[in-house]
Amino acid sequence: MSTTSFLIRNAQMVNENQVQFADVRVKAGLIDTIGKGGSLSPLPNEEVVDAAGLYLLPGAIDDQVHFREPGLTHKGEIETESRAAVAGGVTSYMEMPNTVPQSLTQDLLEEKYQRAAQVSYANYSFFMGASNDNLDEVLKTNPKNVCGVKVFMGSSTGNMLVDNRKTLEGLFTECPMLIATHCEDEGTIRANMATYQAKYGDDIPIRCHPEIRNVEACYKSSSMAADLATKHNTRLHILHISSAKELGLFRNDIPLSEKRITAEACIHHLWFSDADYDTKQTLIKWNPAVKSSQDRDAIFQAVLDDTIDVIATDHAPHTLEEKLNKYTSAPSGGPLVQHSLVAMLEKHHEGKISLEKIVDKMSHKVAECFHVEKRGYIREGYYADLVLVDLNRPWEVSKSNILYKCAWSPFEGQTFKSRILKTWVNGHLAWNDGKINEERAGQRLTFEN
């Protein structure tokens, strides 16, 4: 942890549903003092960061990323993707278990934590994976230092498709931790795929993707997960909601602290629609699929009215060579973690969402949903995971400034009005106006039981 003291002065601090003129002092990696803007005087030899005209946010916490290590490191690594994360104002992430090998045992899970301790620029946690036959291993997971259990109730690799109803009943009955689910009904998808292959052979147009992985496939699986969670009083978090129909499974009439079933929206489902397949082609092929503009707009409204609780990325890099294959061969997923915060800030510039709501959904509510200890807010005594943003310093996404190992982005050519100037991780300046600090200060996240 950083032992230095520094003072951020005269910032517009976006925190706890307010924008306030504030000074923030950081000592030994923690937020030491918060005062009115201009009220805190520098201590002897204390570094001062002049934030006049800039916005100070708590670091974003991304609850769904795939950093591809171990086994898929030609696509991405913990080191490369966490570097991109801090460049984008993401100071903590929760990574998924479908690596090679899959994180289906406690030993394999711990190996990922040990690797991240060596190379991660951002704070980290890794989900324990569930399969059809590893319930005993799942139940050994420590909820104090592991974010949750991931269940693929839809297509995945190897043994990670959990499609056995008895297995699901066992998980939802016995698992005391948060269960995060990918919900798409495999039977529906396979039947749809057979229909489209009969029509098009091996040359299915990309525009058919949301028809193959359709609303019905999503709703059938999501509703089953919600039913299981309700039946067993399980803490369920449904990832990457992609259709308006699924929104009826969630509540916004109670606070998040009382919800047993929560939901996530991802950047791509808030930004793109099926109209974009013509230009973006397989670069925006995700599972679940990007669907209609009506679905996109309904999901955005659900974020605003608290039906959906958090915003994440499902950052899932593949090489450009892989992505540019024809539809049946191109893998699903894309890199997003460097551009998630600026993408949402662009929606703020468009008048569609407030700064306070962006921070609420990308920082506050993620911390609350997962019971993350001492992160997600700008509070005295909390870790100094902070982001300084200039809302009026436009830049264009190009090959020259993309930090993902895969070296491409679905946002290439997009001009964003906002720029991430500085990112602090545990008080350590990890990103400074376009440059990464090669010292790594990421820590393992811990959780309140």
Protein backbone atom coordinates (compact mmCIF):
# COMPACT_ATOMS: atom_id res chain seq x y z
CA MET A 1 0.00 0.00 0.00
CA SER A 2 1.16 3.52 -0.77
CA THR A 3 2.71 5.34 2.17
CA THR A 4 2.59 8.75 0.53
CA SER A 5 0.23 11.57 1.36
CA PHE A 6 -1.32 13.76 -1.32
CA LEU A 7 -4.12 16.28 -1.56
CA ILE A 8 -6.65 16.61 -4.37
CA ARG A 9 -7.94 20.18 -4.27
CA ASN A 10 -10.95 21.95 -5.74
CA ALA A 11 -12.52 18.95 -7.44
CA GLN A 12 -16.14 18.49 -8.39
CA MET A 13 -16.66 15.28 -6.37
CA VAL A 14 -19.38 12.95 -7.67
CA ASN A 15 -20.33 10.76 -4.74
CA GLU A 16 -23.41 9.46 -2.90
CA ASN A 17 -25.89 11.07 -5.31
CA GLN A 18 -24.34 14.53 -5.07
CA VAL A 19 -21.83 16.67 -6.92
CA GLN A 20 -19.87 18.71 -4.38
CA PHE A 21 -16.92 21.11 -4.51
CA ALA A 22 -14.38 19.19 -2.43
CA ASP A 23 -10.83 18.57 -1.28
CA VAL A 24 -9.71 14.99 -0.61
CA ARG A 25 -6.56 14.04 1.30
CA VAL A 26 -5.11 10.55 0.89
CA LYS A 27 -2.70 8.98 3.37
CA ALA A 28 -1.20 5.49 3.30
CA GLY A 29 -3.53 4.38 0.53
CA LEU A 30 -6.71 5.42 2.33
CA ILE A 31 -8.98 8.45 2.09
CA ASP A 32 -7.97 10.39 5.16
CA THR A 33 -9.98 13.63 5.05
CA ILE A 34 -12.75 15.08 2.89
CA GLY A 35 -13.38 18.82 3.11
CA LYS A 36 -15.10 21.59 1.25
CA GLY A 37 -13.20 22.73 -1.83
CA GLY A 38 -10.28 24.94 -0.86
CA SER A 39 -10.62 24.19 2.85
CA LEU A 40 -7.71 21.77 3.29
CA SER A 41 -4.22 23.24 3.42
CA PRO A 42 -1.29 21.20 2.13
CA LEU A 43 0.85 19.47 4.73
CA PRO A 44 4.64 19.93 4.59
CA ASN A 45 6.06 18.14 1.54
CA GLU A 46 2.58 16.97 0.51
CA GLU A 47 1.90 16.62 -3.19
CA VAL A 48 -1.05 18.71 -4.35
CA VAL A 49 -3.21 17.76 -7.32
CA ASP A 50 -5.05 20.78 -8.69
CA ALA A 51 -8.44 19.45 -9.80
CA ALA A 52 -10.09 22.78 -10.60
CA GLY A 53 -12.66 22.23 -13.34
CA LEU A 54 -12.29 18.45 -13.11
CA TYR A 55 -14.52 15.71 -11.70
CA LEU A 56 -13.44 13.25 -9.02
CA LEU A 57 -15.22 9.89 -9.02
CA PRO A 58 -14.83 6.69 -7.03
CA GLY A 59 -13.13 4.08 -9.20
CA ALA A 60 -15.48 1.91 -11.19
CA ILE A 61 -15.91 -1.72 -10.09
CA ASP A 62 -16.55 -4.07 -13.01
CA ASP A 63 -18.32 -7.19 -11.81
CA GLN A 64 -17.90 -9.18 -15.03
CA VAL A 65 -14.69 -9.49 -17.03
CA HIS A 66 -12.82 -12.26 -18.83
CA PHE A 67 -9.08 -11.57 -18.72
CA ARG A 68 -8.24 -14.91 -20.39
CA GLU A 69 -5.53 -16.14 -18.04
CA PRO A 70 -4.61 -18.96 -17.77
CA GLY A 71 -4.75 -20.77 -21.06
CA LEU A 72 -6.10 -18.15 -23.47
CA THR A 73 -3.34 -15.58 -23.16
CA HIS A 74 -3.09 -14.94 -26.89
CA LYS A 75 -6.35 -12.99 -26.37
CA GLY A 76 -5.52 -11.20 -23.13
CA GLU A 77 -3.74 -11.47 -19.80
CA ILE A 78 -4.41 -10.26 -16.28
CA GLU A 79 -1.55 -7.82 -16.71
CA THR A 80 -2.61 -6.35 -20.06
CA GLU A 81 -6.32 -6.16 -19.39
CA SER A 82 -5.94 -4.72 -15.89
CA ARG A 83 -3.68 -2.05 -17.40
CA ALA A 84 -6.47 -1.19 -19.83
CA ALA A 85 -8.92 -1.17 -16.92
CA VAL A 86 -7.10 1.48 -14.90
CA ALA A 87 -6.63 3.55 -18.06
CA GLY A 88 -10.42 3.53 -18.27
CA GLY A 89 -11.06 4.40 -14.63
CA VAL A 90 -11.87 0.83 -13.54
CA THR A 91 -10.03 0.23 -10.27
CA SER A 92 -11.48 -3.18 -9.34
CA TYR A 93 -12.74 -6.15 -11.33
CA MET A 94 -14.32 -9.56 -10.84
CA GLU A 95 -13.13 -12.13 -13.33
CA MET A 96 -14.91 -15.19 -14.69
CA PRO A 97 -13.93 -18.87 -14.34
CA ASN A 98 -14.08 -20.06 -17.98
CA THR A 99 -10.34 -20.05 -18.55
CA VAL A 100 -8.13 -23.03 -19.42
CA PRO A 101 -8.20 -24.84 -17.11
CA GLN A 102 -11.54 -23.71 -15.74
CA SER A 103 -11.67 -22.52 -12.13
CA LEU A 104 -13.61 -25.53 -10.87
CA THR A 105 -11.44 -26.41 -7.87
CA GLN A 106 -10.20 -24.34 -4.97
CA ASP A 107 -6.59 -24.96 -6.00
CA LEU A 108 -7.14 -23.72 -9.55
CA LEU A 109 -9.04 -20.71 -8.26
CA GLU A 110 -6.23 -19.83 -5.86
CA GLU A 111 -3.67 -20.01 -8.66
CA LYS A 112 -5.46 -17.12 -10.37
CA TYR A 113 -5.35 -15.05 -7.20
CA GLN A 114 -1.64 -15.72 -6.84
CA ARG A 115 -1.04 -14.65 -10.42
CA ALA A 116 -3.04 -11.44 -10.00
CA ALA A 117 -1.08 -10.59 -6.85
CA GLN A 118 2.02 -10.50 -9.05
CA VAL A 119 0.79 -8.64 -12.12
CA SER A 120 -2.56 -6.84 -11.61
CA TYR A 121 -2.71 -3.06 -11.88
CA ALA A 122 -6.26 -3.03 -10.47
CA ASN A 123 -7.90 -4.68 -7.48
CA TYR A 124 -9.23 -8.14 -8.24
CA SER A 125 -11.53 -10.97 -7.36
CA PHE A 126 -12.22 -14.22 -9.21
CA PHE A 127 -15.48 -16.16 -9.34
CA MET A 128 -15.56 -19.82 -8.44
CA GLY A 129 -16.96 -21.85 -11.32
CA ALA A 130 -19.81 -24.32 -11.08
CA SER A 131 -20.17 -27.41 -13.25
CA ASN A 132 -22.54 -30.35 -13.26
CA ASP A 133 -20.38 -32.28 -10.81
CA ASN A 134 -18.32 -29.99 -8.52
CA LEU A 135 -20.82 -28.94 -5.84
CA ASP A 136 -18.51 -30.13 -3.06
CA GLU A 137 -15.74 -27.85 -4.33
CA VAL A 138 -18.14 -24.92 -4.74
CA LEU A 139 -19.26 -25.22 -1.14
CA LYS A 140 -15.65 -24.86 0.07
CA THR A 141 -15.49 -21.32 -1.34
CA ASN A 142 -14.70 -18.63 1.21
CA PRO A 143 -17.24 -15.77 0.93
CA LYS A 144 -14.85 -13.44 2.72
CA ASN A 145 -12.35 -13.29 -0.14
CA VAL A 146 -14.19 -14.64 -3.22
CA CYS A 147 -16.85 -12.52 -4.93
CA GLY A 148 -19.27 -15.30 -5.82
CA VAL A 149 -20.06 -18.46 -7.76
CA LYS A 150 -20.59 -18.30 -11.53
CA VAL A 151 -23.11 -20.57 -13.25
CA PHE A 152 -23.38 -20.74 -17.03
CA MET A 153 -27.03 -21.59 -17.66
CA GLY A 154 -26.31 -21.37 -21.39
CA SER A 155 -23.49 -22.04 -23.82
CA SER A 156 -20.02 -22.25 -22.40
CA THR A 157 -16.93 -24.34 -22.87
CA GLY A 158 -16.26 -27.83 -21.58
CA ASN A 159 -18.19 -28.84 -18.50
CA MET A 160 -19.28 -25.35 -17.48
CA LEU A 161 -22.73 -25.51 -19.06
CA VAL A 162 -24.86 -26.39 -16.03
CA ASP A 163 -28.01 -27.82 -17.57
CA ASN A 164 -28.86 -30.53 -15.06
CA ARG A 165 -31.93 -29.48 -13.08
CA LYS A 166 -30.87 -31.58 -10.08
CA THR A 167 -27.47 -29.88 -10.07
CA LEU A 168 -29.09 -26.46 -10.21
CA GLU A 169 -31.44 -27.34 -7.37
CA GLY A 170 -28.44 -28.43 -5.30
CA LEU A 171 -26.54 -25.22 -6.01
CA PHE A 172 -29.46 -22.94 -5.28
CA THR A 173 -30.34 -24.90 -2.13
CA GLU A 174 -26.91 -25.22 -0.57
CA CYS A 175 -24.75 -22.34 -1.81
CA PRO A 176 -24.67 -19.56 0.82
CA MET A 177 -22.90 -17.12 -1.52
CA LEU A 178 -24.06 -14.90 -4.32
CA ILE A 179 -24.66 -16.93 -7.48
CA ALA A 180 -24.08 -15.03 -10.72
CA THR A 181 -25.69 -16.53 -13.80
CA HIS A 182 -25.34 -16.34 -17.56
CA CYS A 183 -28.90 -17.12 -18.66
CA GLU A 184 -29.67 -18.44 -22.14
CA ASP A 185 -31.59 -21.65 -22.75
CA GLU A 186 -29.36 -24.03 -24.65
CA GLY A 187 -32.19 -26.12 -26.11
CA THR A 188 -33.84 -23.08 -27.65
CA ILE A 189 -30.55 -21.87 -29.13
CA ARG A 190 -29.69 -25.24 -30.64
CA ALA A 191 -33.11 -25.54 -32.25
CA ASN A 192 -32.85 -22.02 -33.68
CA MET A 193 -29.32 -22.68 -34.95
CA ALA A 194 -30.47 -25.84 -36.73
CA THR A 195 -33.23 -23.86 -38.46
CA TYR A 196 -30.84 -21.14 -39.65
CA GLN A 197 -28.18 -23.61 -40.75
CA ALA A 198 -30.81 -25.43 -42.81
CA LYS A 199 -31.65 -22.10 -44.47
CA TYR A 200 -28.19 -20.58 -44.89
CA GLY A 201 -25.76 -23.47 -44.51
CA ASP A 202 -22.48 -22.24 -43.07
CA ASP A 203 -23.02 -18.67 -44.26
CA ILE A 204 -25.52 -17.32 -41.72
CA PRO A 205 -25.73 -13.49 -41.79
CA ILE A 206 -24.60 -11.82 -38.54
CA ARG A 207 -27.95 -10.01 -38.38
CA CYS A 208 -29.51 -13.37 -37.50
CA HIS A 209 -27.57 -13.59 -34.23
CA PRO A 210 -30.34 -12.03 -32.08
CA GLU A 211 -32.85 -14.31 -33.79
CA ILE A 212 -30.83 -17.44 -32.96
CA ARG A 213 -29.96 -16.34 -29.42
CA ASN A 214 -33.35 -14.74 -29.07
CA VAL A 215 -35.47 -13.15 -26.37
CA GLU A 216 -37.21 -16.43 -25.64
CA ALA A 217 -33.91 -18.21 -24.96
CA CYS A 218 -32.93 -15.49 -22.51
CA TYR A 219 -36.28 -15.26 -20.75
CA LYS A 220 -36.72 -19.01 -20.39
CA SER A 221 -33.37 -19.32 -18.62
CA SER A 222 -33.58 -16.09 -16.58
CA SER A 223 -37.07 -16.88 -15.35
CA MET A 224 -35.98 -20.38 -14.31
CA ALA A 225 -33.05 -18.90 -12.36
CA ALA A 226 -35.36 -16.39 -10.70
CA ASP A 227 -37.83 -19.15 -9.82
CA LEU A 228 -35.07 -21.27 -8.27
CA ALA A 229 -33.75 -18.31 -6.29
CA THR A 230 -37.21 -17.45 -5.01
CA LYS A 231 -37.90 -21.06 -4.08
CA HIS A 232 -34.65 -21.46 -2.13
CA ASN A 233 -34.13 -17.83 -1.01
CA THR A 234 -30.82 -17.81 -2.89
CA ARG A 235 -28.84 -14.63 -3.48
CA LEU A 236 -29.00 -14.44 -7.29
CA HIS A 237 -27.36 -11.92 -9.64
CA ILE A 238 -28.34 -12.25 -13.30
CA LEU A 239 -25.67 -10.95 -15.63
CA HIS A 240 -25.92 -8.98 -18.92
CA ILE A 241 -29.67 -8.51 -19.30
CA SER A 242 -30.32 -8.11 -23.02
CA SER A 243 -34.11 -7.99 -23.48
CA ALA A 244 -37.02 -5.89 -22.32
CA LYS A 245 -39.01 -9.02 -21.49
CA GLU A 246 -36.57 -10.07 -18.75
CA LEU A 247 -37.01 -6.79 -16.86
CA GLY A 248 -40.26 -8.02 -15.36
CA LEU A 249 -38.26 -10.49 -13.27
CA PHE A 250 -36.75 -7.70 -11.17
CA ARG A 251 -38.01 -5.21 -8.60
CA ASN A 252 -37.41 -1.51 -8.14
CA ASP A 253 -39.85 -0.92 -5.30
CA ILE A 254 -37.39 -1.98 -2.59
CA PRO A 255 -33.80 -0.88 -1.86
CA LEU A 256 -30.91 -2.95 -3.13
CA SER A 257 -30.07 -4.03 0.42
CA GLU A 258 -33.39 -5.91 0.54
CA LYS A 259 -33.18 -7.54 -2.89
CA ARG A 260 -32.41 -11.25 -3.17
CA ILE A 261 -32.43 -11.11 -6.98
CA THR A 262 -30.40 -8.42 -8.75
CA ALA A 263 -29.48 -7.63 -12.33
CA GLU A 264 -26.63 -6.25 -14.42
CA ALA A 265 -26.63 -4.30 -17.68
CA CYS A 266 -23.56 -4.25 -19.91
CA ILE A 267 -22.19 -1.38 -21.95
CA HIS A 268 -22.84 -3.05 -25.30
CA HIS A 269 -26.50 -3.65 -24.52
CA LEU A 270 -26.84 0.02 -23.54
CA TRP A 271 -25.01 1.36 -26.60
CA PHE A 272 -25.56 -0.88 -29.66
CA SER A 273 -28.66 -2.33 -31.32
CA ASP A 274 -29.34 -4.79 -34.12
CA ALA A 275 -29.11 -1.88 -36.58
CA ASP A 276 -25.35 -1.82 -35.89
CA TYR A 277 -24.71 -5.33 -37.23
CA ASP A 278 -24.59 -3.93 -40.78
CA THR A 279 -21.49 -1.86 -40.00
CA LYS A 280 -19.91 -3.60 -37.01
CA GLN A 281 -20.57 -7.16 -38.19
CA THR A 282 -19.08 -9.84 -35.89
CA LEU A 283 -17.21 -7.21 -33.85
CA ILE A 284 -20.44 -6.79 -31.88
CA LYS A 285 -21.24 -10.48 -31.66
CA TRP A 286 -21.89 -11.12 -27.97
CA ASN A 287 -23.74 -13.71 -25.94
CA PRO A 288 -26.43 -12.75 -25.05
CA ALA A 289 -26.90 -10.99 -28.37
CA VAL A 290 -27.30 -7.29 -28.92
CA LYS A 291 -31.00 -7.06 -29.75
CA SER A 292 -33.46 -4.39 -30.89
CA SER A 293 -33.34 -0.67 -30.18
CA GLN A 294 -36.51 -1.17 -28.16
CA ASP A 295 -34.70 -3.70 -25.96
CA ARG A 296 -31.71 -1.35 -25.63
CA ASP A 297 -33.88 1.60 -24.65
CA ALA A 298 -35.87 -0.45 -22.14
CA ILE A 299 -32.65 -1.68 -20.51
CA PHE A 300 -31.38 1.89 -20.28
CA GLN A 301 -34.61 3.00 -18.64
CA ALA A 302 -34.34 0.06 -16.21
CA VAL A 303 -30.90 1.34 -15.20
CA LEU A 304 -32.37 4.77 -14.55
CA ASP A 305 -35.31 3.50 -12.48
CA ASP A 306 -33.25 0.96 -10.48
CA THR A 307 -34.84 -2.16 -11.94
CA ILE A 308 -31.29 -2.98 -13.05
CA ASP A 309 -28.76 -2.54 -10.29
CA VAL A 310 -25.28 -2.31 -11.83
CA ILE A 311 -23.45 -1.55 -15.07
CA ALA A 312 -20.52 -3.74 -16.18
CA THR A 313 -18.73 -4.74 -19.38
CA ASP A 314 -18.47 -8.52 -19.84
CA HIS A 315 -15.05 -7.58 -21.23
CA ALA A 316 -14.12 -10.64 -23.30
CA PRO A 317 -11.27 -10.08 -25.77
CA HIS A 318 -10.59 -12.19 -28.84
CA THR A 319 -8.01 -11.56 -31.52
CA LEU A 320 -9.18 -9.56 -34.52
CA GLU A 321 -8.37 -12.54 -36.73
CA GLU A 322 -10.76 -14.68 -34.68
CA LYS A 323 -13.52 -12.06 -34.68
CA LEU A 324 -13.37 -11.50 -38.44
CA ASN A 325 -14.34 -15.09 -39.21
CA LYS A 326 -17.75 -15.86 -40.66
CA TYR A 327 -20.66 -15.96 -38.24
CA THR A 328 -20.52 -19.63 -37.25
CA SER A 329 -16.77 -19.46 -36.55
CA ALA A 330 -16.42 -16.02 -34.98
CA PRO A 331 -16.37 -16.20 -31.17
CA SER A 332 -18.71 -14.10 -29.08
CA GLY A 333 -17.39 -11.32 -26.88
CA GLY A 334 -15.35 -8.17 -27.19
CA PRO A 335 -13.04 -5.83 -25.28
CA LEU A 336 -14.72 -2.98 -23.37
CA VAL A 337 -13.09 -2.32 -19.99
CA GLN A 338 -10.93 0.61 -21.16
CA HIS A 339 -13.93 2.45 -22.60
CA SER A 340 -16.85 1.65 -20.29
CA LEU A 341 -16.73 4.77 -18.13
CA VAL A 342 -16.17 7.19 -20.99
CA ALA A 343 -18.99 5.49 -22.92
CA MET A 344 -21.39 6.15 -20.07
CA LEU A 345 -20.07 9.70 -19.71
CA GLU A 346 -20.91 10.15 -23.39
CA LYS A 347 -24.50 9.22 -22.56
CA HIS A 348 -24.35 11.91 -19.88
CA HIS A 349 -23.31 14.43 -22.51
CA GLU A 350 -26.31 13.30 -24.56
CA GLY A 351 -28.56 14.13 -21.59
CA LYS A 352 -29.59 10.53 -21.01
CA ILE A 353 -28.07 9.89 -17.56
CA SER A 354 -26.69 11.96 -14.70
CA LEU A 355 -23.15 11.79 -13.40
CA GLU A 356 -24.56 10.73 -10.04
CA LYS A 357 -26.40 7.79 -11.60
CA ILE A 358 -23.32 6.66 -13.53
CA VAL A 359 -21.28 6.58 -10.31
CA ASP A 360 -24.15 4.90 -8.49
CA LYS A 361 -24.36 2.06 -11.02
CA MET A 362 -20.66 1.59 -11.76
CA SER A 363 -19.25 2.05 -8.26
CA HIS A 364 -21.68 2.40 -5.34
CA LYS A 365 -24.18 -0.30 -6.26
CA VAL A 366 -21.56 -2.83 -7.30
CA ALA A 367 -19.91 -2.46 -3.92
CA GLU A 368 -23.28 -2.81 -2.22
CA CYS A 369 -24.44 -5.73 -4.35
CA PHE A 370 -21.30 -7.76 -3.60
CA HIS A 371 -20.69 -6.38 -0.08
CA VAL A 372 -17.23 -5.19 -1.10
CA GLU A 373 -15.31 -3.89 1.91
CA LYS A 374 -14.29 -0.21 1.99
CA ARG A 375 -14.54 0.46 -1.73
CA GLY A 376 -16.95 1.98 -4.21
CA TYR A 377 -17.42 5.29 -2.38
CA ILE A 378 -15.37 8.37 -1.58
CA ARG A 379 -15.50 8.08 2.21
CA GLU A 380 -12.99 8.72 4.96
CA GLY A 381 -11.33 5.44 5.90
CA TYR A 382 -12.09 3.84 2.52
CA TYR A 383 -9.41 2.74 0.05
CA ALA A 384 -8.35 5.57 -2.22
CA ASP A 385 -9.64 4.09 -5.49
CA LEU A 386 -10.23 7.36 -7.34
CA VAL A 387 -10.64 8.67 -10.87
CA LEU A 388 -10.10 12.23 -12.07
CA VAL A 389 -12.04 13.07 -15.24
CA ASP A 390 -12.05 15.98 -17.65
CA LEU A 391 -15.55 16.09 -19.14
CA ASN A 392 -14.45 18.39 -21.95
CA ARG A 393 -11.27 16.98 -23.48
CA PRO A 394 -12.33 15.05 -26.59
CA TRP A 395 -10.33 12.18 -28.02
CA GLU A 396 -10.82 9.51 -30.64
CA VAL A 397 -10.43 5.78 -30.02
CA SER A 398 -7.72 4.47 -32.36
CA LYS A 399 -5.19 1.67 -32.61
CA SER A 400 -2.59 4.00 -31.12
CA ASN A 401 -4.38 4.39 -27.78
CA ILE A 402 -6.00 0.98 -27.29
CA LEU A 403 -4.31 -0.94 -24.47
CA TYR A 404 -6.02 -4.32 -24.83
CA LYS A 405 -3.71 -7.13 -25.87
CA CYS A 406 -6.07 -7.90 -28.76
CA ALA A 407 -5.44 -4.32 -29.99
CA TRP A 408 -8.94 -3.53 -31.29
CA SER A 409 -12.17 -2.07 -29.97
CA PRO A 410 -15.79 -1.90 -31.18
CA PHE A 411 -15.48 1.82 -30.38
CA GLU A 412 -12.66 2.48 -32.87
CA GLY A 413 -13.38 5.76 -34.65
CA GLN A 414 -15.66 6.95 -31.84
CA THR A 415 -14.87 10.37 -30.40
CA PHE A 416 -15.53 10.61 -26.67
CA LYS A 417 -15.92 14.02 -25.09
CA SER A 418 -14.58 12.89 -21.69
CA ARG A 419 -11.08 11.76 -20.81
CA ILE A 420 -9.73 9.80 -17.85
CA LEU A 421 -6.82 11.92 -16.58
CA LYS A 422 -5.73 10.09 -13.45
CA THR A 423 -6.61 6.79 -11.79
CA TRP A 424 -5.50 5.93 -8.26
CA VAL A 425 -5.59 2.34 -7.00
CA ASN A 426 -5.19 2.14 -3.23
CA GLY A 427 -3.73 5.63 -3.31
CA HIS A 428 -1.21 4.64 -5.97
CA LEU A 429 -1.25 6.73 -9.16
CA ALA A 430 -1.73 3.93 -11.68
CA TRP A 431 -2.69 6.05 -14.70
CA ASN A 432 -1.51 9.61 -15.27
CA ASP A 433 -2.65 11.55 -18.33
CA GLY A 434 -2.04 8.86 -20.90
CA LYS A 435 0.74 6.97 -19.19
CA ILE A 436 0.69 3.83 -17.07
CA ASN A 437 2.76 3.55 -13.88
CA GLU A 438 4.47 0.19 -14.16
CA GLU A 439 4.35 -0.35 -10.40
CA ARG A 440 1.32 -2.50 -9.60
CA ALA A 441 -0.81 -1.81 -6.56
CA GLY A 442 -3.83 -4.06 -7.11
CA GLN A 443 -5.10 -5.86 -4.01
CA ARG A 444 -7.41 -8.80 -3.48
CA LEU A 445 -10.95 -7.62 -2.76
CA THR A 446 -12.55 -8.69 0.48
CA PHE A 447 -16.24 -8.93 1.27
CA GLU A 448 -18.46 -8.45 4.29
CA ASN A 449 -20.36 -11.59 5.20
